[in-house]
Each structure stands twice: as C-alpha cells, then as structure tokens.
Amino acid sequence: MAVATAQGFQTFLPFLPAIRQAPESAVWFTYDQEADVLYINFKKPSIATDSELTDDDVIIRYAEDDIIGYTILHASRRL
C-alpha cells in the first residue's frame, strides 16, 4: 500500500483546509472502489433525514438542517 509509506502522509495534506472548515471536529472518509463513490461523514452515526443531488453528482446529506455528509459519485473522474 503506497500511502502507508513514511512519505505517504503528504498525500493527505491538501485535505487539511477542508477538514479544518468541516462542520464537526472529526471527518470520516470511505471510498467504495467498485461503485466509485466517496463518502464523507461529519457525524457518526450518519443517519440522514433528507438529501439533495447537485448538478455535479454530489449528494448532500442532512440531519434536520445540519449537513452531516457528502456522497461523491464518479469519484475517480474528479482527480
């Protein structure tokens, strides 16, 4: 696994500004390679009461009025 090398942490440094601006103090990322979907969660459990699909294939998930996560479809095309 390339990211697990001593230098691999640098791969994640570009995410720091976004993580610092997240609505919660912790952020979980899960990538489903088969479906090519990236899940970003700000709360656990991440049970949405509503969601909306944006024009660029991102699902914004809500619990009441709070954004609790994003589901990014076709994630590998966004690199």
N, C-alpha and C. Protein backbone atom coordinates (compact mmCIF):
# COMPACT_ATOMS: atom_id res chain seq x y z
N MET A 1 0.85 -1.17 0.00
CA MET A 1 0.00 0.00 0.00
C MET A 1 0.89 1.24 0.00
N ALA A 2 0.87 2.01 -1.05
CA ALA A 2 1.78 3.14 -1.22
C ALA A 2 1.57 4.23 -0.18
N VAL A 3 0.35 4.51 0.19
CA VAL A 3 0.07 5.60 1.12
C VAL A 3 0.63 5.29 2.51
N ALA A 4 0.84 4.04 2.83
CA ALA A 4 1.31 3.65 4.15
C ALA A 4 2.81 3.88 4.34
N THR A 5 3.50 4.37 3.33
CA THR A 5 4.93 4.64 3.47
C THR A 5 5.15 5.85 4.37
N ALA A 6 6.38 6.05 4.77
CA ALA A 6 6.70 7.18 5.63
C ALA A 6 6.37 8.52 4.97
N GLN A 7 6.49 8.60 3.67
CA GLN A 7 6.18 9.83 2.94
C GLN A 7 4.70 9.94 2.58
N GLY A 8 3.94 8.87 2.78
CA GLY A 8 2.54 8.82 2.36
C GLY A 8 1.64 9.86 2.98
N PHE A 9 1.98 10.36 4.16
CA PHE A 9 1.13 11.35 4.81
C PHE A 9 0.98 12.60 3.96
N GLN A 10 1.96 12.90 3.13
CA GLN A 10 1.90 14.11 2.30
C GLN A 10 0.74 14.06 1.32
N THR A 11 0.28 12.88 0.99
CA THR A 11 -0.88 12.72 0.11
C THR A 11 -2.11 13.37 0.71
N PHE A 12 -2.18 13.40 2.03
CA PHE A 12 -3.37 13.90 2.71
C PHE A 12 -3.30 15.37 3.08
N LEU A 13 -2.15 15.99 3.00
CA LEU A 13 -2.00 17.40 3.40
C LEU A 13 -2.92 18.35 2.64
N PRO A 14 -3.18 18.15 1.35
CA PRO A 14 -4.10 19.07 0.66
C PRO A 14 -5.52 19.08 1.23
N PHE A 15 -5.89 18.06 2.00
CA PHE A 15 -7.23 17.99 2.59
C PHE A 15 -7.37 18.84 3.85
N LEU A 16 -6.26 19.27 4.44
CA LEU A 16 -6.32 19.95 5.73
C LEU A 16 -7.22 21.19 5.73
N PRO A 17 -7.15 22.08 4.74
CA PRO A 17 -8.06 23.24 4.78
C PRO A 17 -9.53 22.84 4.82
N ALA A 18 -9.91 21.85 4.03
CA ALA A 18 -11.31 21.41 4.02
C ALA A 18 -11.70 20.78 5.34
N ILE A 19 -10.83 19.99 5.93
CA ILE A 19 -11.12 19.34 7.20
C ILE A 19 -11.26 20.37 8.31
N ARG A 20 -10.41 21.38 8.29
CA ARG A 20 -10.49 22.43 9.32
C ARG A 20 -11.80 23.21 9.22
N GLN A 21 -12.40 23.28 8.05
CA GLN A 21 -13.65 24.02 7.86
C GLN A 21 -14.88 23.13 7.99
N ALA A 22 -14.68 21.85 8.26
CA ALA A 22 -15.80 20.92 8.38
C ALA A 22 -16.70 21.32 9.54
N PRO A 23 -17.98 21.00 9.43
CA PRO A 23 -18.93 21.38 10.49
C PRO A 23 -18.71 20.67 11.82
N GLU A 24 -17.96 19.60 11.84
CA GLU A 24 -17.67 18.88 13.08
C GLU A 24 -16.16 18.74 13.23
N SER A 25 -15.72 18.31 14.41
CA SER A 25 -14.28 18.20 14.66
C SER A 25 -13.66 16.93 14.11
N ALA A 26 -14.47 16.00 13.65
CA ALA A 26 -13.95 14.77 13.07
C ALA A 26 -14.59 14.56 11.70
N VAL A 27 -13.83 13.98 10.79
CA VAL A 27 -14.31 13.71 9.44
C VAL A 27 -13.90 12.28 9.09
N TRP A 28 -14.84 11.51 8.54
CA TRP A 28 -14.56 10.14 8.11
C TRP A 28 -14.71 10.07 6.60
N PHE A 29 -13.74 9.44 5.95
CA PHE A 29 -13.78 9.22 4.51
C PHE A 29 -13.86 7.72 4.26
N THR A 30 -14.73 7.31 3.36
CA THR A 30 -14.81 5.92 2.93
C THR A 30 -14.95 5.92 1.42
N TYR A 31 -14.08 5.16 0.76
CA TYR A 31 -14.14 5.07 -0.70
C TYR A 31 -14.55 3.67 -1.09
N ASP A 32 -15.61 3.56 -1.89
CA ASP A 32 -16.08 2.29 -2.43
C ASP A 32 -15.56 2.21 -3.86
N GLN A 33 -14.51 1.44 -4.06
CA GLN A 33 -13.86 1.36 -5.36
C GLN A 33 -14.78 0.75 -6.43
N GLU A 34 -15.52 -0.28 -6.07
CA GLU A 34 -16.41 -0.93 -7.03
C GLU A 34 -17.48 0.03 -7.55
N ALA A 35 -18.06 0.82 -6.65
CA ALA A 35 -19.10 1.77 -7.04
C ALA A 35 -18.53 3.11 -7.46
N ASP A 36 -17.24 3.34 -7.20
CA ASP A 36 -16.56 4.61 -7.47
C ASP A 36 -17.26 5.77 -6.77
N VAL A 37 -17.49 5.57 -5.47
CA VAL A 37 -18.20 6.56 -4.66
C VAL A 37 -17.35 6.88 -3.43
N LEU A 38 -17.22 8.17 -3.15
CA LEU A 38 -16.53 8.63 -1.95
C LEU A 38 -17.57 9.16 -0.97
N TYR A 39 -17.55 8.61 0.24
CA TYR A 39 -18.45 9.05 1.30
C TYR A 39 -17.66 9.90 2.27
N ILE A 40 -18.16 11.08 2.59
CA ILE A 40 -17.55 11.96 3.58
C ILE A 40 -18.60 12.18 4.66
N ASN A 41 -18.26 11.81 5.89
CA ASN A 41 -19.22 11.92 7.00
C ASN A 41 -18.66 12.82 8.09
N PHE A 42 -19.53 13.66 8.63
CA PHE A 42 -19.16 14.55 9.72
C PHE A 42 -19.72 14.10 11.06
N LYS A 43 -20.61 13.15 11.05
CA LYS A 43 -21.21 12.64 12.29
C LYS A 43 -21.35 11.13 12.19
N LYS A 44 -21.22 10.46 13.32
CA LYS A 44 -21.49 9.03 13.40
C LYS A 44 -22.42 8.83 14.58
N PRO A 45 -23.52 8.13 14.43
CA PRO A 45 -23.96 7.54 13.17
C PRO A 45 -24.41 8.63 12.21
N SER A 46 -24.30 8.34 10.94
CA SER A 46 -24.62 9.30 9.89
C SER A 46 -25.96 8.93 9.26
N ILE A 47 -27.02 9.24 9.99
CA ILE A 47 -28.37 8.90 9.54
C ILE A 47 -29.04 10.17 9.02
N ALA A 48 -29.25 10.20 7.71
CA ALA A 48 -29.82 11.39 7.08
C ALA A 48 -31.34 11.39 7.17
N THR A 49 -31.89 12.58 7.36
CA THR A 49 -33.34 12.75 7.31
C THR A 49 -33.77 13.33 5.97
N ASP A 50 -32.79 13.84 5.21
CA ASP A 50 -33.08 14.40 3.89
C ASP A 50 -31.78 14.45 3.10
N SER A 51 -31.89 14.60 1.80
CA SER A 51 -30.70 14.71 0.95
C SER A 51 -31.08 15.44 -0.33
N GLU A 52 -30.07 15.95 -1.01
CA GLU A 52 -30.29 16.56 -2.30
C GLU A 52 -29.14 16.21 -3.23
N LEU A 53 -29.46 15.99 -4.48
CA LEU A 53 -28.47 15.68 -5.50
C LEU A 53 -28.15 16.95 -6.27
N THR A 54 -26.87 17.33 -6.30
CA THR A 54 -26.47 18.54 -7.01
C THR A 54 -26.28 18.23 -8.50
N ASP A 55 -26.11 19.27 -9.29
CA ASP A 55 -25.90 19.11 -10.73
C ASP A 55 -24.60 18.40 -11.06
N ASP A 56 -23.64 18.40 -10.14
CA ASP A 56 -22.35 17.73 -10.40
C ASP A 56 -22.23 16.39 -9.67
N ASP A 57 -23.36 15.72 -9.48
CA ASP A 57 -23.41 14.36 -8.92
C ASP A 57 -22.81 14.24 -7.52
N VAL A 58 -23.14 15.18 -6.67
CA VAL A 58 -22.79 15.11 -5.26
C VAL A 58 -24.10 15.10 -4.48
N ILE A 59 -24.23 14.15 -3.58
CA ILE A 59 -25.41 14.08 -2.73
C ILE A 59 -25.05 14.73 -1.41
N ILE A 60 -25.79 15.75 -1.04
CA ILE A 60 -25.60 16.42 0.25
C ILE A 60 -26.61 15.80 1.20
N ARG A 61 -26.11 15.26 2.31
CA ARG A 61 -26.98 14.57 3.27
C ARG A 61 -27.19 15.44 4.50
N TYR A 62 -28.43 15.49 4.95
CA TYR A 62 -28.82 16.34 6.08
C TYR A 62 -29.43 15.51 7.21
N ALA A 63 -29.22 15.96 8.42
CA ALA A 63 -29.98 15.53 9.60
C ALA A 63 -30.65 16.79 10.11
N GLU A 64 -31.93 16.89 9.88
CA GLU A 64 -32.69 18.12 10.10
C GLU A 64 -32.08 19.20 9.20
N ASP A 65 -31.56 20.30 9.77
CA ASP A 65 -30.99 21.38 8.95
C ASP A 65 -29.47 21.31 8.83
N ASP A 66 -28.85 20.33 9.50
CA ASP A 66 -27.39 20.23 9.52
C ASP A 66 -26.88 19.31 8.42
N ILE A 67 -25.83 19.74 7.73
CA ILE A 67 -25.16 18.86 6.77
C ILE A 67 -24.35 17.84 7.55
N ILE A 68 -24.62 16.57 7.30
CA ILE A 68 -23.89 15.52 8.02
C ILE A 68 -22.93 14.77 7.11
N GLY A 69 -22.99 15.06 5.80
CA GLY A 69 -22.04 14.39 4.92
C GLY A 69 -22.32 14.64 3.46
N TYR A 70 -21.37 14.17 2.67
CA TYR A 70 -21.46 14.24 1.21
C TYR A 70 -21.22 12.85 0.64
N THR A 71 -21.90 12.53 -0.43
CA THR A 71 -21.65 11.32 -1.20
C THR A 71 -21.25 11.78 -2.59
N ILE A 72 -20.02 11.50 -2.98
CA ILE A 72 -19.49 11.98 -4.25
C ILE A 72 -19.49 10.83 -5.25
N LEU A 73 -20.37 10.93 -6.22
CA LEU A 73 -20.49 9.89 -7.25
C LEU A 73 -19.40 10.09 -8.30
N HIS A 74 -18.99 9.01 -8.96
CA HIS A 74 -17.95 9.05 -10.01
C HIS A 74 -16.67 9.71 -9.48
N ALA A 75 -16.27 9.33 -8.30
CA ALA A 75 -15.16 9.99 -7.61
C ALA A 75 -13.85 9.96 -8.38
N SER A 76 -13.53 8.87 -9.05
CA SER A 76 -12.23 8.78 -9.72
C SER A 76 -12.13 9.72 -10.92
N ARG A 77 -13.24 10.17 -11.44
CA ARG A 77 -13.22 11.11 -12.57
C ARG A 77 -12.86 12.53 -12.12
N ARG A 78 -12.80 12.76 -10.83
CA ARG A 78 -12.59 14.10 -10.31
C ARG A 78 -11.14 14.39 -9.96
N LEU A 79 -10.24 13.48 -10.23
CA LEU A 79 -8.84 13.66 -9.85
C LEU A 79 -8.14 14.66 -10.71
